[in-house]
N, C-alpha and C. Protein backbone atom coordinates (compact mmCIF):
# COMPACT_ATOMS: atom_id res chain seq x y z
N MET A 1 -1.20 -12.54 -12.52
CA MET A 1 -1.86 -11.04 -12.53
C MET A 1 -3.34 -11.03 -12.11
N LYS A 2 -4.08 -12.10 -12.45
CA LYS A 2 -5.42 -12.13 -11.94
C LYS A 2 -5.61 -12.22 -10.66
N GLN A 3 -4.55 -13.07 -9.90
CA GLN A 3 -4.73 -13.16 -8.31
C GLN A 3 -4.49 -11.87 -7.90
N ILE A 4 -3.59 -10.89 -8.29
CA ILE A 4 -3.57 -9.56 -7.89
C ILE A 4 -4.72 -8.83 -7.85
N PHE A 5 -5.44 -8.81 -8.88
CA PHE A 5 -6.73 -8.20 -9.02
C PHE A 5 -7.70 -8.85 -8.06
N ALA A 6 -7.63 -9.78 -8.07
CA ALA A 6 -8.89 -10.69 -7.00
C ALA A 6 -8.34 -10.15 -5.58
N ALA A 7 -7.23 -10.23 -5.20
CA ALA A 7 -6.46 -10.03 -3.97
C ALA A 7 -6.94 -8.51 -3.44
N ILE A 8 -6.80 -7.64 -4.55
CA ILE A 8 -6.84 -6.46 -4.40
C ILE A 8 -8.42 -5.81 -4.20
N GLY A 9 -9.21 -6.56 -4.96
CA GLY A 9 -10.40 -6.42 -4.75
C GLY A 9 -11.08 -6.78 -3.26
N LEU A 10 -10.36 -7.97 -2.85
CA LEU A 10 -10.74 -8.38 -1.56
C LEU A 10 -10.18 -7.22 -0.46
N LEU A 11 -9.33 -6.77 -0.86
CA LEU A 11 -8.60 -5.67 0.19
C LEU A 11 -9.43 -4.35 0.20
N LEU A 12 -10.08 -4.03 -1.00
CA LEU A 12 -10.91 -3.15 -1.12
C LEU A 12 -12.15 -3.15 -0.18
N LEU A 13 -12.97 -4.44 -0.20
CA LEU A 13 -14.10 -4.91 0.45
C LEU A 13 -13.33 -4.80 1.97
N LEU A 14 -12.30 -5.48 2.15
CA LEU A 14 -12.10 -5.38 3.63
C LEU A 14 -11.96 -3.90 4.40
N GLN A 15 -11.52 -2.81 3.33
CA GLN A 15 -11.30 -1.63 3.82
C GLN A 15 -12.74 -1.29 4.60
N ASN A 16 -13.93 -1.61 4.03
CA ASN A 16 -15.19 -1.20 4.57
C ASN A 16 -15.27 -1.58 5.89
N ALA A 17 -14.29 -2.45 6.67
CA ALA A 17 -14.51 -2.86 7.91
C ALA A 17 -14.07 -1.57 8.69
N TRP A 18 -13.11 -0.81 8.09
CA TRP A 18 -13.08 0.68 8.93
C TRP A 18 -13.40 1.90 8.26
N ALA A 19 -14.64 1.55 7.26
CA ALA A 19 -15.09 2.51 6.54
C ALA A 19 -15.70 3.81 7.13
N ILE A 20 -16.29 3.65 8.37
CA ILE A 20 -17.06 4.66 9.03
C ILE A 20 -15.76 5.87 9.27
N ASP A 21 -14.83 5.22 10.02
CA ASP A 21 -13.68 6.22 10.45
C ASP A 21 -13.01 6.77 8.97
N ILE A 22 -12.67 5.90 8.23
CA ILE A 22 -11.98 6.42 7.09
C ILE A 22 -13.04 7.36 6.30
N ARG A 23 -14.09 6.96 5.99
CA ARG A 23 -15.15 7.86 5.30
C ARG A 23 -15.30 9.34 6.06
N ASP A 24 -15.38 9.13 7.32
CA ASP A 24 -15.36 10.78 8.02
C ASP A 24 -14.20 11.34 7.97
N ALA A 25 -12.96 10.77 7.90
CA ALA A 25 -11.76 11.50 7.90
C ALA A 25 -11.57 11.97 6.55
N LYS A 26 -11.87 11.01 5.43
CA LYS A 26 -11.88 11.38 4.09
C LYS A 26 -12.78 12.75 3.58
N ALA A 27 -13.94 12.59 4.27
CA ALA A 27 -15.03 13.48 4.08
C ALA A 27 -14.65 14.90 4.53
N GLN A 28 -13.67 14.86 5.58
CA GLN A 28 -13.35 16.20 6.21
C GLN A 28 -12.30 16.67 5.66
N GLY A 29 -11.64 15.91 4.51
CA GLY A 29 -10.51 16.42 4.20
C GLY A 29 -9.04 16.20 5.06
N LEU A 30 -9.19 15.19 6.09
CA LEU A 30 -8.11 15.01 7.03
C LEU A 30 -7.10 13.90 6.49
N ILE A 31 -7.63 12.98 5.58
CA ILE A 31 -6.68 12.10 4.88
C ILE A 31 -7.15 11.72 3.57
N GLY A 32 -6.04 11.12 3.04
CA GLY A 32 -6.44 10.80 1.56
C GLY A 32 -5.46 9.71 1.14
N GLU A 33 -5.57 9.15 -0.03
CA GLU A 33 -4.90 7.92 -0.64
C GLU A 33 -3.57 8.56 -1.31
N ALA A 34 -2.63 8.14 -0.35
CA ALA A 34 -1.33 8.46 -0.82
C ALA A 34 -0.81 7.54 -2.07
N ASN A 35 0.05 8.03 -2.83
CA ASN A 35 0.51 7.55 -3.91
C ASN A 35 1.39 6.11 -3.78
N THR A 36 1.57 5.83 -2.35
CA THR A 36 2.13 4.52 -1.80
C THR A 36 1.34 3.34 -1.70
N GLY A 37 -0.11 3.58 -1.63
CA GLY A 37 -0.98 2.56 -1.46
C GLY A 37 -1.47 2.63 -0.13
N TYR A 38 -0.87 3.66 0.71
CA TYR A 38 -1.25 3.66 2.04
C TYR A 38 -2.22 5.14 2.24
N ILE A 39 -2.61 5.16 3.34
CA ILE A 39 -3.44 6.59 3.49
C ILE A 39 -2.46 7.49 4.37
N ALA A 40 -2.63 8.78 4.25
CA ALA A 40 -1.77 9.75 4.71
C ALA A 40 -2.73 10.93 4.96
N ALA A 41 -1.99 11.76 6.16
CA ALA A 41 -2.64 13.21 6.25
C ALA A 41 -2.56 14.05 5.26
N VAL A 42 -3.54 14.52 4.93
CA VAL A 42 -3.48 15.58 3.83
C VAL A 42 -2.91 16.96 4.17
N ARG A 43 -3.12 17.30 5.71
CA ARG A 43 -2.54 18.53 6.19
C ARG A 43 -1.85 18.14 7.42
N SER A 44 -0.57 18.77 7.77
CA SER A 44 0.03 18.69 9.05
C SER A 44 0.01 19.71 9.72
N PRO A 45 -0.03 19.67 11.00
CA PRO A 45 0.07 18.41 11.94
C PRO A 45 -1.33 17.68 11.93
N ALA A 46 -1.32 16.58 12.05
CA ALA A 46 -2.60 15.76 12.21
C ALA A 46 -2.79 15.41 13.71
N SER A 47 -4.13 15.54 13.89
CA SER A 47 -4.45 15.02 15.45
C SER A 47 -4.14 13.60 15.73
N ALA A 48 -3.98 13.43 17.22
CA ALA A 48 -3.57 12.01 17.43
C ALA A 48 -4.64 11.03 17.13
N GLU A 49 -5.82 11.39 16.83
CA GLU A 49 -6.91 10.44 16.39
C GLU A 49 -6.77 10.22 14.94
N VAL A 50 -6.40 11.14 14.12
CA VAL A 50 -6.06 10.72 12.77
C VAL A 50 -4.99 10.32 12.82
N ARG A 51 -3.93 10.30 13.35
CA ARG A 51 -2.41 9.59 13.16
C ARG A 51 -2.69 8.10 13.62
N ALA A 52 -3.66 7.93 14.76
CA ALA A 52 -3.89 6.55 15.03
C ALA A 52 -4.74 5.77 13.96
N LEU A 53 -5.56 6.47 13.49
CA LEU A 53 -6.45 5.86 12.38
C LEU A 53 -5.47 5.61 11.18
N ILE A 54 -4.52 6.27 10.83
CA ILE A 54 -3.51 6.22 9.76
C ILE A 54 -2.72 5.01 10.00
N ALA A 55 -2.13 4.63 11.23
CA ALA A 55 -1.25 3.70 11.70
C ALA A 55 -1.95 2.38 11.57
N ASN A 56 -3.35 2.51 12.24
CA ASN A 56 -4.01 1.29 12.31
C ASN A 56 -4.34 0.80 10.67
N VAL A 57 -4.85 1.58 9.96
CA VAL A 57 -5.31 1.09 8.66
C VAL A 57 -3.91 0.85 7.92
N ASN A 58 -2.94 1.59 8.03
CA ASN A 58 -1.82 1.29 7.27
C ASN A 58 -1.17 0.02 7.62
N ALA A 59 -1.19 -0.32 8.69
CA ALA A 59 -0.46 -1.65 9.23
C ALA A 59 -1.36 -2.95 8.73
N LYS A 60 -2.70 -2.84 8.69
CA LYS A 60 -3.57 -3.72 7.92
C LYS A 60 -3.20 -3.76 6.53
N ARG A 61 -3.17 -2.67 5.73
CA ARG A 61 -2.75 -2.56 4.50
C ARG A 61 -1.45 -3.25 4.40
N LYS A 62 -0.53 -3.02 5.03
CA LYS A 62 0.89 -3.54 4.72
C LYS A 62 0.78 -5.11 4.70
N ALA A 63 0.13 -5.78 5.81
CA ALA A 63 -0.05 -7.19 5.93
C ALA A 63 -0.73 -7.61 4.79
N GLN A 64 -1.76 -7.08 4.31
CA GLN A 64 -2.60 -7.44 3.14
C GLN A 64 -1.66 -7.45 1.94
N PHE A 65 -0.95 -6.55 1.77
CA PHE A 65 0.05 -6.37 0.63
C PHE A 65 0.97 -7.45 0.62
N SER A 66 1.38 -7.75 1.78
CA SER A 66 2.62 -8.71 1.91
C SER A 66 1.90 -10.08 1.52
N GLN A 67 0.79 -10.40 2.04
CA GLN A 67 -0.04 -11.55 1.70
C GLN A 67 -0.35 -11.93 0.38
N THR A 68 -0.68 -10.72 -0.42
CA THR A 68 -1.09 -10.73 -1.59
C THR A 68 0.15 -11.03 -2.47
N ALA A 69 1.17 -10.30 -2.22
CA ALA A 69 2.53 -10.56 -2.95
C ALA A 69 3.04 -11.95 -2.81
N LYS A 70 2.97 -12.64 -1.64
CA LYS A 70 3.39 -13.97 -1.51
C LYS A 70 2.58 -14.93 -2.36
N LYS A 71 1.29 -14.58 -2.53
CA LYS A 71 0.26 -15.41 -3.27
C LYS A 71 0.59 -15.11 -4.78
N THR A 72 1.01 -14.05 -5.29
CA THR A 72 1.07 -13.61 -6.63
C THR A 72 2.37 -13.71 -7.12
N GLY A 73 3.43 -13.70 -6.40
CA GLY A 73 4.78 -13.62 -6.96
C GLY A 73 5.04 -12.14 -7.29
N ALA A 74 4.20 -11.02 -7.06
CA ALA A 74 4.53 -9.76 -7.14
C ALA A 74 5.25 -9.14 -5.79
N THR A 75 5.71 -7.89 -5.93
CA THR A 75 6.49 -7.49 -4.72
C THR A 75 5.53 -6.60 -3.78
N PRO A 76 5.49 -6.39 -2.62
CA PRO A 76 4.50 -5.74 -1.90
C PRO A 76 4.56 -4.40 -2.55
N THR A 77 5.51 -3.74 -2.88
CA THR A 77 5.50 -2.48 -3.74
C THR A 77 4.51 -2.49 -4.82
N GLN A 78 4.65 -3.64 -5.57
CA GLN A 78 3.72 -3.58 -6.93
C GLN A 78 2.38 -3.59 -6.43
N VAL A 79 2.15 -4.54 -5.34
CA VAL A 79 0.78 -4.76 -4.88
C VAL A 79 0.17 -3.40 -4.45
N ALA A 80 1.13 -2.91 -3.67
CA ALA A 80 0.58 -1.46 -3.04
C ALA A 80 0.23 -0.46 -4.14
N TYR A 81 1.07 -0.32 -5.19
CA TYR A 81 0.89 0.47 -6.35
C TYR A 81 -0.50 0.23 -6.99
N ARG A 82 -0.55 -1.02 -7.28
CA ARG A 82 -1.86 -1.43 -8.10
C ARG A 82 -3.11 -0.94 -7.13
N PHE A 83 -2.99 -1.26 -5.76
CA PHE A 83 -4.12 -0.88 -4.95
C PHE A 83 -4.33 0.55 -5.15
N TYR A 84 -3.29 1.49 -4.96
CA TYR A 84 -3.37 2.92 -5.13
C TYR A 84 -4.09 3.27 -6.28
N GLU A 85 -3.74 2.68 -7.66
CA GLU A 85 -4.51 3.01 -8.85
C GLU A 85 -6.12 2.50 -8.69
N LEU A 86 -6.37 1.65 -8.19
CA LEU A 86 -7.73 1.00 -8.12
C LEU A 86 -8.38 2.08 -6.85
N ALA A 87 -7.88 2.22 -5.75
CA ALA A 87 -8.26 3.27 -4.68
C ALA A 87 -8.51 4.75 -5.23
N VAL A 88 -7.68 5.26 -6.23
CA VAL A 88 -7.79 6.47 -6.66
C VAL A 88 -9.10 6.57 -7.68
N GLN A 89 -9.24 5.39 -8.42
CA GLN A 89 -10.64 5.24 -9.17
C GLN A 89 -11.64 5.46 -8.35
N LYS A 90 -11.89 4.84 -7.25
CA LYS A 90 -12.93 4.52 -6.40
C LYS A 90 -13.03 5.80 -5.19
N THR A 91 -12.11 6.77 -5.38
CA THR A 91 -12.00 7.98 -4.47
C THR A 91 -13.26 8.76 -5.02
N ALA A 92 -14.10 9.13 -3.84
CA ALA A 92 -15.38 9.85 -4.07
C ALA A 92 -14.87 11.30 -4.35
N PRO A 93 -15.83 11.82 -5.24
CA PRO A 93 -15.64 13.38 -5.30
C PRO A 93 -15.68 14.20 -4.26
N GLY A 94 -14.63 14.95 -4.04
CA GLY A 94 -14.44 15.89 -2.76
C GLY A 94 -13.36 15.35 -1.84
N HIS A 95 -12.92 14.01 -2.41
CA HIS A 95 -12.04 13.58 -1.28
C HIS A 95 -10.56 13.66 -2.00
N TYR A 96 -9.63 13.46 -1.32
CA TYR A 96 -8.10 13.73 -1.64
C TYR A 96 -7.39 12.36 -1.93
N TYR A 97 -6.30 12.65 -2.99
CA TYR A 97 -5.49 11.49 -3.29
C TYR A 97 -4.19 12.19 -3.83
N GLN A 98 -3.10 11.55 -3.88
CA GLN A 98 -1.82 11.97 -4.22
C GLN A 98 -1.57 11.86 -5.67
N ASP A 99 -1.15 12.64 -6.63
CA ASP A 99 -0.70 12.36 -7.71
C ASP A 99 0.67 11.63 -7.56
N ALA A 100 1.16 11.34 -8.97
CA ALA A 100 2.51 10.66 -9.00
C ALA A 100 3.44 11.34 -8.34
N SER A 101 3.45 12.85 -8.27
CA SER A 101 4.52 13.71 -7.92
C SER A 101 4.25 13.95 -6.26
N GLY A 102 3.46 13.29 -5.63
CA GLY A 102 3.17 13.45 -4.38
C GLY A 102 2.26 14.77 -4.01
N GLN A 103 1.69 15.47 -4.95
CA GLN A 103 0.79 16.53 -4.51
C GLN A 103 -0.57 16.06 -4.29
N TRP A 104 -1.09 16.70 -3.34
CA TRP A 104 -2.57 16.32 -3.14
C TRP A 104 -3.44 17.06 -3.88
N LYS A 105 -4.42 16.18 -4.46
CA LYS A 105 -5.43 16.57 -5.62
C LYS A 105 -6.75 16.23 -4.93
N LYS A 106 -7.76 17.21 -5.14
CA LYS A 106 -9.17 16.81 -4.86
C LYS A 106 -9.79 16.33 -5.81
N LYS A 107 -10.54 15.28 -5.67
CA LYS A 107 -11.18 14.57 -7.04
C LYS A 107 -12.60 15.34 -7.30
């Protein structure tokens, strides 16, 4: 379990590699932290740029979730959910996240 936390912490730091685009999109209310551990468009339809950002970030997250799962013995779904919990804690005021039922909430 300790390895999951360390790996998720690393993933949160790696997210900063895309932070300018993600921050801008989050600040504009275009994307948010989905309850799946991935990012998603808050409103539809999303622009091509937003869809590309989502696809890029989510592909990287999926790979990291799989790596972390292999290292820790957890499932990728468990890792993604724990990442979601931590991401919501770190979500800035005014940014969006999904609650457990899938409703978008503004922090």
